[in-house]
C-alpha atoms as a PDB file:
ATOM      1  CA  MET A   1       0.000   0.000   0.000  1.00  0.00           C
ATOM      2  CA  LYS A   2       2.890   2.393   0.787  1.00  0.00           C
ATOM      3  CA  LYS A   3       4.279   1.890  -2.734  1.00  0.00           C
ATOM      4  CA  ILE A   4       0.969   3.057  -4.194  1.00  0.00           C
ATOM      5  CA  PHE A   5       1.019   6.330  -2.296  1.00  0.00           C
ATOM      6  CA  PHE A   6       4.719   6.961  -2.999  1.00  0.00           C
ATOM      7  CA  MET A   7       4.046   6.491  -6.713  1.00  0.00           C
ATOM      8  CA  PHE A   8       1.139   8.920  -6.561  1.00  0.00           C
ATOM      9  CA  LEU A   9       3.182  11.520  -4.627  1.00  0.00           C
ATOM     10  CA  PHE A  10       5.949  11.257  -7.220  1.00  0.00           C
ATOM     11  CA  PHE A  11       3.564  12.135 -10.056  1.00  0.00           C
ATOM     12  CA  LEU A  12       2.142  14.965  -7.950  1.00  0.00           C
ATOM     13  CA  SER A  13       5.618  16.402  -7.358  1.00  0.00           C
ATOM     14  CA  VAL A  14       6.406  16.229 -11.094  1.00  0.00           C
ATOM     15  CA  ASN A  15       3.152  18.062 -11.755  1.00  0.00           C
ATOM     16  CA  THR A  16       3.774  20.908  -9.297  1.00  0.00           C
ATOM     17  CA  ILE A  17       7.523  21.354  -9.699  1.00  0.00           C
ATOM     18  CA  ASN A  18       7.419  21.592 -13.470  1.00  0.00           C
ATOM     19  CA  GLY A  19       5.732  24.986 -13.316  1.00  0.00           C
ATOM     20  CA  GLN A  20       6.474  25.948 -16.898  1.00  0.00           C
ATOM     21  CA  VAL A  21       3.798  23.503 -18.098  1.00  0.00           C
ATOM     22  CA  ALA A  22       0.573  25.466 -17.650  1.00  0.00           C
ATOM     23  CA  LYS A  23      -2.805  24.149 -16.657  1.00  0.00           C
ATOM     24  CA  ARG A  24      -1.855  20.871 -15.094  1.00  0.00           C
ATOM     25  CA  GLY A  25      -4.284  20.272 -12.290  1.00  0.00           C
ATOM     26  CA  ILE A  26      -5.631  18.164  -9.490  1.00  0.00           C
ATOM     27  CA  ASP A  27      -9.091  16.611  -9.281  1.00  0.00           C
ATOM     28  CA  ILE A  28     -10.793  15.823  -5.933  1.00  0.00           C
ATOM     29  CA  LYS A  29     -14.204  14.151  -5.820  1.00  0.00           C
ATOM     30  CA  VAL A  30     -16.475  12.628  -3.208  1.00  0.00           C
ATOM     31  CA  VAL A  31     -18.012   9.466  -4.655  1.00  0.00           C
ATOM     32  CA  TYR A  32     -20.826   7.027  -3.906  1.00  0.00           C
ATOM     33  CA  ASN A  33     -20.032   3.537  -5.225  1.00  0.00           C
ATOM     34  CA  SER A  34     -23.094   1.319  -5.677  1.00  0.00           C
ATOM     35  CA  PRO A  35     -22.531  -2.432  -6.301  1.00  0.00           C
ATOM     36  CA  VAL A  36     -24.530  -3.804  -9.240  1.00  0.00           C
ATOM     37  CA  PHE A  37     -25.286  -7.239 -10.704  1.00  0.00           C
ATOM     38  CA  ASN A  38     -23.954 -10.047  -8.468  1.00  0.00           C
ATOM     39  CA  PHE A  39     -21.807  -7.666  -6.403  1.00  0.00           C
ATOM     40  CA  ASN A  40     -24.879  -6.147  -4.721  1.00  0.00           C
ATOM     41  CA  ASN A  41     -26.058  -9.540  -3.445  1.00  0.00           C
ATOM     42  CA  VAL A  42     -23.974  -9.236  -0.277  1.00  0.00           C
ATOM     43  CA  TYR A  43     -22.442  -5.734  -0.304  1.00  0.00           C
ATOM     44  CA  LYS A  44     -23.933  -2.326   0.438  1.00  0.00           C
ATOM     45  CA  GLY A  45     -23.145   0.927  -1.348  1.00  0.00           C
ATOM     46  CA  GLY A  46     -19.966   2.594  -0.110  1.00  0.00           C
ATOM     47  CA  MET A  47     -18.689   6.159   0.140  1.00  0.00           C
ATOM     48  CA  GLY A  48     -15.217   7.063  -1.012  1.00  0.00           C
ATOM     49  CA  ILE A  49     -12.903   9.728  -2.334  1.00  0.00           C
ATOM     50  CA  ASN A  50     -11.197   9.990  -5.735  1.00  0.00           C
ATOM     51  CA  ILE A  51      -8.052  12.039  -6.359  1.00  0.00           C
ATOM     52  CA  GLY A  52      -6.548  12.618  -9.784  1.00  0.00           C
ATOM     53  CA  ILE A  53      -3.680  14.522 -11.416  1.00  0.00           C
ATOM     54  CA  LEU A  54      -4.830  16.135 -14.672  1.00  0.00           C
ATOM     55  CA  TYR A  55      -2.692  16.526 -17.787  1.00  0.00           C
ATOM     56  CA  PRO A  56      -4.513  18.479 -20.544  1.00  0.00           C
ATOM     57  CA  PHE A  57      -3.447  17.433 -24.056  1.00  0.00           C
ATOM     58  CA  TYR A  58      -4.887  19.518 -26.889  1.00  0.00           C
ATOM     59  CA  ASP A  59      -8.164  21.364 -26.368  1.00  0.00           C
ATOM     60  CA  ASN A  60     -10.483  18.352 -26.150  1.00  0.00           C
ATOM     61  CA  LEU A  61      -8.248  15.670 -24.663  1.00  0.00           C
ATOM     62  CA  GLN A  62      -7.023  15.185 -21.104  1.00  0.00           C
ATOM     63  CA  PHE A  63      -4.924  12.468 -19.469  1.00  0.00           C
ATOM     64  CA  SER A  64      -5.015  11.667 -15.750  1.00  0.00           C
ATOM     65  CA  LEU A  65      -3.443   9.562 -13.022  1.00  0.00           C
ATOM     66  CA  ASN A  66      -6.030   8.577 -10.421  1.00  0.00           C
ATOM     67  CA  THR A  67      -6.219   7.043  -6.972  1.00  0.00           C
ATOM     68  CA  GLY A  68      -8.573   7.126  -3.992  1.00  0.00           C
ATOM     69  CA  TYR A  69     -10.238   4.966  -1.374  1.00  0.00           C
ATOM     70  CA  THR A  70     -13.565   3.138  -1.081  1.00  0.00           C
ATOM     71  CA  LYS A  71     -15.035   0.882   1.602  1.00  0.00           C
ATOM     72  CA  TRP A  72     -18.004  -1.464   1.118  1.00  0.00           C
ATOM     73  CA  ASP A  73     -19.730  -3.062   4.100  1.00  0.00           C
ATOM     74  CA  PHE A  74     -21.106  -6.590   3.984  1.00  0.00           C
ATOM     75  CA  ASP A  75     -24.923  -6.697   3.700  1.00  0.00           C
ATOM     76  CA  ASN A  76     -25.659  -9.124   6.504  1.00  0.00           C
ATOM     77  CA  ALA A  77     -29.450  -8.717   6.205  1.00  0.00           C
ATOM     78  CA  ALA A  78     -29.420  -9.626   2.497  1.00  0.00           C
ATOM     79  CA  TYR A  79     -27.186 -12.621   3.179  1.00  0.00           C
ATOM     80  CA  ASN A  80     -29.577 -13.887   5.866  1.00  0.00           C
ATOM     81  CA  LEU A  81     -32.566 -13.605   3.528  1.00  0.00           C
ATOM     82  CA  LYS A  82     -30.889 -15.904   1.005  1.00  0.00           C
ATOM     83  CA  ASN A  83     -29.117 -18.393   3.253  1.00  0.00           C
ATOM     84  CA  THR A  84     -31.089 -19.066   6.437  1.00  0.00           C
ATOM     85  CA  ASN A  85     -33.266 -22.163   6.713  1.00  0.00           C
ATOM     86  CA  ALA A  86     -34.711 -24.524   9.306  1.00  0.00           C
ATOM     87  CA  ASN A  87     -31.217 -25.430  10.522  1.00  0.00           C
ATOM     88  CA  TYR A  88     -29.130 -22.317   9.881  1.00  0.00           C
ATOM     89  CA  THR A  89     -31.352 -19.749  11.590  1.00  0.00           C
ATOM     90  CA  SER A  90     -29.127 -16.656  11.405  1.00  0.00           C
ATOM     91  CA  PHE A  91     -25.708 -15.353  10.345  1.00  0.00           C
ATOM     92  CA  ASP A  92     -23.833 -12.386  11.784  1.00  0.00           C
ATOM     93  CA  ILE A  93     -20.952 -11.635   9.412  1.00  0.00           C
ATOM     94  CA  LYS A  94     -18.693  -8.582   9.284  1.00  0.00           C
ATOM     95  CA  ALA A  95     -16.591  -8.414   6.124  1.00  0.00           C
ATOM     96  CA  PRO A  96     -15.727  -4.857   5.012  1.00  0.00           C
ATOM     97  CA  LEU A  97     -14.015  -4.669   1.619  1.00  0.00           C
ATOM     98  CA  ASN A  98     -11.440  -1.856   1.269  1.00  0.00           C
ATOM     99  CA  MET A  99     -10.103  -0.746  -2.113  1.00  0.00           C
ATOM    100  CA  ILE A 100      -7.385   1.659  -3.314  1.00  0.00           C
ATOM    101  CA  PRO A 101      -7.299   2.092  -7.112  1.00  0.00           C
ATOM    102  CA  ILE A 102      -4.445   3.326  -9.297  1.00  0.00           C
ATOM    103  CA  THR A 103      -5.599   4.035 -12.851  1.00  0.00           C
ATOM    104  CA  PHE A 104      -4.538   5.953 -15.939  1.00  0.00           C
ATOM    105  CA  GLY A 105      -7.399   7.798 -17.606  1.00  0.00           C
ATOM    106  CA  VAL A 106      -8.386   9.680 -20.735  1.00  0.00           C
ATOM    107  CA  LYS A 107     -11.168  12.254 -21.043  1.00  0.00           C
ATOM    108  CA  TYR A 108     -12.576  13.460 -24.327  1.00  0.00           C
ATOM    109  CA  PHE A 109     -14.472  16.757 -24.144  1.00  0.00           C
ATOM    110  CA  ALA A 110     -17.363  16.877 -26.609  1.00  0.00           C
ATOM    111  CA  THR A 111     -17.447  20.678 -26.984  1.00  0.00           C
ATOM    112  CA  ASN A 112     -15.372  23.792 -26.392  1.00  0.00           C
ATOM    113  CA  SER A 113     -18.231  25.620 -24.691  1.00  0.00           C
ATOM    114  CA  LYS A 114     -18.048  27.002 -21.155  1.00  0.00           C
ATOM    115  CA  VAL A 115     -19.929  24.013 -19.709  1.00  0.00           C
ATOM    116  CA  ARG A 116     -18.245  20.973 -21.246  1.00  0.00           C
ATOM    117  CA  PRO A 117     -19.643  17.404 -21.291  1.00  0.00           C
ATOM    118  CA  TYR A 118     -17.050  14.658 -21.587  1.00  0.00           C
ATOM    119  CA  PHE A 119     -16.548  10.909 -21.937  1.00  0.00           C
ATOM    120  CA  SER A 120     -13.914   9.027 -19.951  1.00  0.00           C
ATOM    121  CA  VAL A 121     -12.128   5.679 -19.771  1.00  0.00           C
ATOM    122  CA  GLU A 122      -9.642   4.428 -17.166  1.00  0.00           C
ATOM    123  CA  PHE A 123      -7.496   1.335 -16.882  1.00  0.00           C
ATOM    124  CA  GLY A 124      -5.183   0.159 -14.122  1.00  0.00           C
ATOM    125  CA  PHE A 125      -5.192  -1.905 -10.975  1.00  0.00           C
ATOM    126  CA  PHE A 126      -6.481  -1.819  -7.423  1.00  0.00           C
ATOM    127  CA  TYR A 127      -5.233  -2.982  -4.045  1.00  0.00           C
ATOM    128  CA  TYR A 128      -7.803  -4.547  -1.728  1.00  0.00           C
ATOM    129  CA  THR A 129      -7.936  -5.835   1.846  1.00  0.00           C
ATOM    130  CA  GLN A 130     -10.654  -7.844   3.541  1.00  0.00           C
ATOM    131  CA  THR A 131     -11.064  -9.473   6.943  1.00  0.00           C
ATOM    132  CA  ALA A 132     -14.247 -11.507   7.357  1.00  0.00           C
ATOM    133  CA  THR A 133     -15.437 -12.673  10.771  1.00  0.00           C
ATOM    134  CA  GLY A 134     -18.773 -13.887  12.059  1.00  0.00           C
ATOM    135  CA  THR A 135     -21.016 -16.341  13.836  1.00  0.00           C
ATOM    136  CA  TYR A 136     -24.042 -18.449  12.955  1.00  0.00           C
ATOM    137  CA  THR A 137     -26.847 -20.089  14.928  1.00  0.00           C
ATOM    138  CA  TRP A 138     -27.855 -23.697  14.359  1.00  0.00           C
ATOM    139  CA  ILE A 139     -30.847 -25.834  15.315  1.00  0.00           C
ATOM    140  CA  ALA A 140     -30.531 -29.587  14.856  1.00  0.00           C
ATOM    141  CA  LYS A 141     -34.300 -30.123  14.714  1.00  0.00           C
ATOM    142  CA  PRO A 142     -37.431 -28.098  15.493  1.00  0.00           C
ATOM    143  CA  GLY A 143     -37.890 -27.575  19.230  1.00  0.00           C
ATOM    144  CA  ASP A 144     -34.190 -27.933  20.068  1.00  0.00           C
ATOM    145  CA  PRO A 145     -32.316 -24.945  21.569  1.00  0.00           C
ATOM    146  CA  GLU A 146     -30.186 -22.787  19.276  1.00  0.00           C
ATOM    147  CA  ASP A 147     -26.417 -23.167  19.367  1.00  0.00           C
ATOM    148  CA  THR A 148     -24.097 -20.351  18.281  1.00  0.00           C
ATOM    149  CA  PHE A 149     -20.839 -21.139  16.490  1.00  0.00           C
ATOM    150  CA  THR A 150     -17.927 -18.937  15.429  1.00  0.00           C
ATOM    151  CA  LEU A 151     -16.971 -18.979  11.767  1.00  0.00           C
ATOM    152  CA  ALA A 152     -13.293 -19.365  10.886  1.00  0.00           C
ATOM    153  CA  GLU A 153     -11.833 -15.981   9.925  1.00  0.00           C
ATOM    154  CA  LEU A 154     -11.044 -15.130   6.301  1.00  0.00           C
ATOM    155  CA  ASN A 155      -8.178 -12.722   5.527  1.00  0.00           C
ATOM    156  CA  ASP A 156      -7.252 -11.665   2.042  1.00  0.00           C
ATOM    157  CA  SER A 157      -5.429  -8.869   0.217  1.00  0.00           C
ATOM    158  CA  GLY A 158      -3.769  -8.305  -3.117  1.00  0.00           C
ATOM    159  CA  PHE A 159      -3.645  -6.490  -6.446  1.00  0.00           C
ATOM    160  CA  ARG A 160      -6.115  -6.958  -9.293  1.00  0.00           C
ATOM    161  CA  THR A 161      -6.951  -5.295 -12.620  1.00  0.00           C
ATOM    162  CA  MET A 162      -9.759  -2.750 -13.040  1.00  0.00           C
ATOM    163  CA  VAL A 163     -11.321  -0.750 -15.873  1.00  0.00           C
ATOM    164  CA  ASN A 164     -14.113   1.798 -16.103  1.00  0.00           C
ATOM    165  CA  ALA A 165     -15.966   3.994 -18.586  1.00  0.00           C
ATOM    166  CA  GLY A 166     -18.184   6.963 -17.923  1.00  0.00           C
ATOM    167  CA  ALA A 167     -19.380  10.455 -18.736  1.00  0.00           C
ATOM    168  CA  GLY A 168     -19.468  13.764 -16.954  1.00  0.00           C
ATOM    169  CA  VAL A 169     -19.604  17.519 -17.204  1.00  0.00           C
ATOM    170  CA  VAL A 170     -17.337  20.352 -16.046  1.00  0.00           C
ATOM    171  CA  ALA A 171     -18.441  23.906 -15.300  1.00  0.00           C
ATOM    172  CA  PRO A 172     -15.870  26.619 -14.487  1.00  0.00           C
ATOM    173  CA  LEU A 173     -16.151  28.912 -11.491  1.00  0.00           C
ATOM    174  CA  ASN A 174     -13.118  30.759 -12.928  1.00  0.00           C
ATOM    175  CA  ASN A 175      -9.930  29.778 -14.807  1.00  0.00           C
ATOM    176  CA  ILE A 176      -8.515  27.955 -11.786  1.00  0.00           C
ATOM    177  CA  TRP A 177     -11.490  26.274 -10.067  1.00  0.00           C
ATOM    178  CA  ILE A 178     -13.737  23.954 -12.120  1.00  0.00           C
ATOM    179  CA  LEU A 179     -16.762  22.005 -10.879  1.00  0.00           C
ATOM    180  CA  ASP A 180     -16.756  18.374 -12.066  1.00  0.00           C
ATOM    181  CA  PHE A 181     -19.610  15.834 -11.938  1.00  0.00           C
ATOM    182  CA  GLN A 182     -19.188  12.290 -13.238  1.00  0.00           C
ATOM    183  CA  ILE A 183     -20.865   8.868 -13.467  1.00  0.00           C
ATOM    184  CA  LYS A 184     -18.859   5.706 -14.245  1.00  0.00           C
ATOM    185  CA  MET A 185     -19.391   1.957 -14.593  1.00  0.00           C
ATOM    186  CA  ASN A 186     -16.475   0.062 -13.064  1.00  0.00           C
ATOM    187  CA  ALA A 187     -15.292  -3.528 -13.398  1.00  0.00           C
ATOM    188  CA  LEU A 188     -13.012  -5.184 -10.818  1.00  0.00           C
ATOM    189  CA  VAL A 189     -11.460  -8.183 -12.567  1.00  0.00           C
ATOM    190  CA  ASN A 190     -11.012 -11.339 -10.454  1.00  0.00           C
ATOM    191  CA  ALA A 191     -11.917  -9.419  -7.313  1.00  0.00           C
ATOM    192  CA  GLN A 192     -12.048 -11.368  -4.078  1.00  0.00           C
ATOM    193  CA  SER A 193     -15.116 -11.088  -1.841  1.00  0.00           C
ATOM    194  CA  VAL A 194     -17.197 -13.177   0.546  1.00  0.00           C
ATOM    195  CA  GLY A 195     -18.961 -15.919  -1.381  1.00  0.00           C
ATOM    196  CA  GLY A 196     -20.671 -17.757   1.464  1.00  0.00           C
ATOM    197  CA  THR A 197     -20.085 -20.098   4.369  1.00  0.00           C
ATOM    198  CA  HIS A 198     -19.004 -23.724   4.334  1.00  0.00           C
ATOM    199  CA  ASN A 199     -20.470 -26.613   6.286  1.00  0.00           C
ATOM    200  CA  SER A 200     -17.128 -26.934   8.062  1.00  0.00           C
ATOM    201  CA  GLY A 201     -17.786 -23.564   9.704  1.00  0.00           C
ATOM    202  CA  SER A 202     -15.543 -21.337   7.590  1.00  0.00           C
ATOM    203  CA  ILE A 203     -16.184 -18.233   5.475  1.00  0.00           C
ATOM    204  CA  GLU A 204     -15.515 -18.867   1.797  1.00  0.00           C
ATOM    205  CA  GLY A 205     -13.955 -16.382  -0.575  1.00  0.00           C
ATOM    206  CA  ASN A 206     -15.261 -15.817  -4.078  1.00  0.00           C
ATOM    207  CA  SER A 207     -13.178 -14.603  -7.018  1.00  0.00           C
ATOM    208  CA  ALA A 208     -15.185 -12.985  -9.818  1.00  0.00           C
ATOM    209  CA  THR A 209     -15.501  -9.816 -11.872  1.00  0.00           C
ATOM    210  CA  HIS A 210     -17.509  -7.372  -9.758  1.00  0.00           C
ATOM    211  CA  TYR A 211     -19.232  -4.270 -11.131  1.00  0.00           C
ATOM    212  CA  PHE A 212     -20.186  -1.047  -9.402  1.00  0.00           C
ATOM    213  CA  LEU A 213     -21.634   2.303 -10.448  1.00  0.00           C
ATOM    214  CA  SER A 214     -19.858   5.468  -9.289  1.00  0.00           C
ATOM    215  CA  ILE A 215     -21.624   8.811  -8.876  1.00  0.00           C
ATOM    216  CA  ALA A 216     -19.126  11.553  -8.071  1.00  0.00           C
ATOM    217  CA  GLY A 217     -18.959  15.291  -7.617  1.00  0.00           C
ATOM    218  CA  GLY A 218     -16.047  17.555  -6.828  1.00  0.00           C
ATOM    219  CA  ILE A 219     -13.693  20.210  -8.036  1.00  0.00           C
ATOM    220  CA  ASN A 220     -10.646  20.593 -10.285  1.00  0.00           C
ATOM    221  CA  TYR A 221      -7.826  23.025  -9.474  1.00  0.00           C
ATOM    222  CA  TYR A 222      -5.413  24.039 -12.259  1.00  0.00           C
ATOM    223  CA  PHE A 223      -1.848  25.125 -11.487  1.00  0.00           C
ATOM    224  CA  GLY A 224      -0.500  28.048 -13.445  1.00  0.00           C
ATOM    225  CA  ALA A 225      -3.861  29.046 -14.945  1.00  0.00           C
ATOM    226  CA  GLU A 226      -4.535  32.779 -15.157  1.00  0.00           C
END
């Protein structure tokens, strides 16, 4: 994780020290990340922050280096609805999924007007960590007392590939400060998450491509702009 932040700080220092290159900037957004498709079966929407270094290239093209942080909490209620039965009467699982992305992006601005819609694509990787713990209650047969058991802990972390595509709009407050609103569809390739519980009493991991929708709003600041 430290290597990720050192890499990002290096690009930031190149951006700010090289003052003769005008209109390089920084992008800061607050983002709501909503799991979709199979990802929303057991995870809730998560808040996060996105930070990007902006490199304008021609009038309608912009490159960026992006990072940030997002946390998704495990949807214990949804998991119970799908997995409880006459024997397994309840689950209490805590399995937050933390993600730090590092992506390279391209934005294409559709117009040269003051308010400018754009399309974007990003490709890179993400670092994730997850610790899953929990308990479950069991009844051998109707009328018997419930017994509570502890599930074996699941720990996982690593790097995986991610890609996203989206659209947005920028609106200038002045030449330095620009409002930026964006929506993106993201794919986490071979992402690890909680897949279920095993009869042996352990939490099982699940590796799959997970999708989530990002809705973000924030501001761009451009260095050297007049």
